[in-house]
């Protein structure tokens, strides 16, 4: 679980992951700041009941960066 501090281009990807998971989101406030929290949940094939696997939080500045990254990746949106 972490707050995203920065984004950078990465070349580590090896293609699409085989497993799909659900992602919950919520808007949080802390110290007068707003954060978008994204939480992924274990896959349906997981033996235990559904629980949060990973959580990231994005502040306003990172949200702006992420919008720019999304526009680059999907220019037809």
Protein backbone atom coordinates (compact mmCIF):
# COMPACT_ATOMS: atom_id res chain seq x y z
CA UNK A 1 0.00 0.00 0.00
CA UNK A 2 1.50 3.28 -1.06
CA UNK A 3 0.95 6.82 -2.27
CA UNK A 4 2.29 7.23 -5.82
CA UNK A 5 5.13 9.77 -5.68
CA UNK A 6 5.99 9.87 -9.38
CA UNK A 7 5.42 8.20 -12.72
CA UNK A 8 8.16 7.31 -15.21
CA UNK A 9 8.25 5.41 -18.51
CA UNK A 10 9.13 1.76 -17.96
CA UNK A 11 10.20 -0.96 -20.39
CA UNK A 12 9.68 -3.84 -17.94
CA UNK A 13 6.38 -5.05 -19.43
CA UNK A 14 6.28 -8.46 -21.07
CA UNK A 15 2.75 -8.34 -22.44
CA UNK A 16 -0.76 -8.60 -21.07
CA UNK A 17 -1.19 -10.41 -17.76
CA UNK A 18 -3.29 -13.58 -17.91
CA UNK A 19 -5.17 -12.99 -14.67
CA UNK A 20 -7.94 -10.40 -14.35
CA UNK A 21 -8.93 -8.90 -11.01
CA UNK A 22 -11.50 -6.43 -9.80
CA UNK A 23 -10.49 -2.91 -8.75
CA UNK A 24 -12.38 -0.86 -6.22
CA UNK A 25 -11.95 2.88 -5.99
CA UNK A 26 -12.79 5.61 -3.53
CA UNK A 27 -12.04 9.25 -2.92
CA UNK A 28 -10.34 10.04 0.39
CA UNK A 29 -9.40 13.25 2.17
CA UNK A 30 -6.42 13.62 4.47
CA UNK A 31 -4.93 16.85 5.80
CA UNK A 32 -6.98 18.92 3.36
CA UNK A 33 -5.74 16.91 0.37
CA UNK A 34 -7.85 14.66 -1.85
CA UNK A 35 -6.64 11.22 -2.92
CA UNK A 36 -8.00 8.64 -5.33
CA UNK A 37 -7.50 5.18 -3.85
CA UNK A 38 -7.45 2.12 -6.11
CA UNK A 39 -7.56 -1.32 -4.51
CA UNK A 40 -7.19 -4.58 -6.40
CA UNK A 41 -8.78 -7.77 -5.14
CA UNK A 42 -7.52 -11.33 -5.53
CA UNK A 43 -8.60 -13.22 -8.63
CA UNK A 44 -11.65 -15.49 -8.66
CA UNK A 45 -9.28 -18.50 -8.76
CA UNK A 46 -7.85 -17.59 -5.36
CA UNK A 47 -8.78 -20.17 -2.72
CA UNK A 48 -9.43 -17.68 0.09
CA UNK A 49 -12.34 -15.26 0.15
CA UNK A 50 -12.07 -11.96 -1.72
CA UNK A 51 -9.72 -9.50 -0.03
CA UNK A 52 -7.59 -6.52 -1.01
CA UNK A 53 -4.28 -7.48 -2.63
CA UNK A 54 -2.79 -4.05 -3.34
CA UNK A 55 -3.79 -0.44 -2.78
CA UNK A 56 -2.37 2.72 -4.31
CA UNK A 57 -3.30 6.32 -3.66
CA UNK A 58 -2.97 9.18 -6.15
CA UNK A 59 -2.98 12.86 -5.22
CA UNK A 60 -4.06 15.74 -7.45
CA UNK A 61 -0.63 16.26 -9.06
CA UNK A 62 -0.23 12.56 -9.90
CA UNK A 63 -3.83 12.47 -11.16
CA UNK A 64 -2.98 15.22 -13.64
CA UNK A 65 0.07 13.27 -14.78
CA UNK A 66 -1.98 10.09 -15.08
CA UNK A 67 -4.57 11.84 -17.27
CA UNK A 68 -1.74 12.95 -19.60
CA UNK A 69 -0.33 9.40 -19.70
CA UNK A 70 -3.79 7.98 -20.47
CA UNK A 71 -4.26 10.50 -23.30
CA UNK A 72 -0.92 9.41 -24.78
CA UNK A 73 -1.77 5.72 -24.49
CA UNK A 74 -5.35 6.09 -25.78
CA UNK A 75 -5.45 9.17 -28.03
CA UNK A 76 -8.88 8.23 -29.41
CA UNK A 77 -10.62 8.64 -26.03
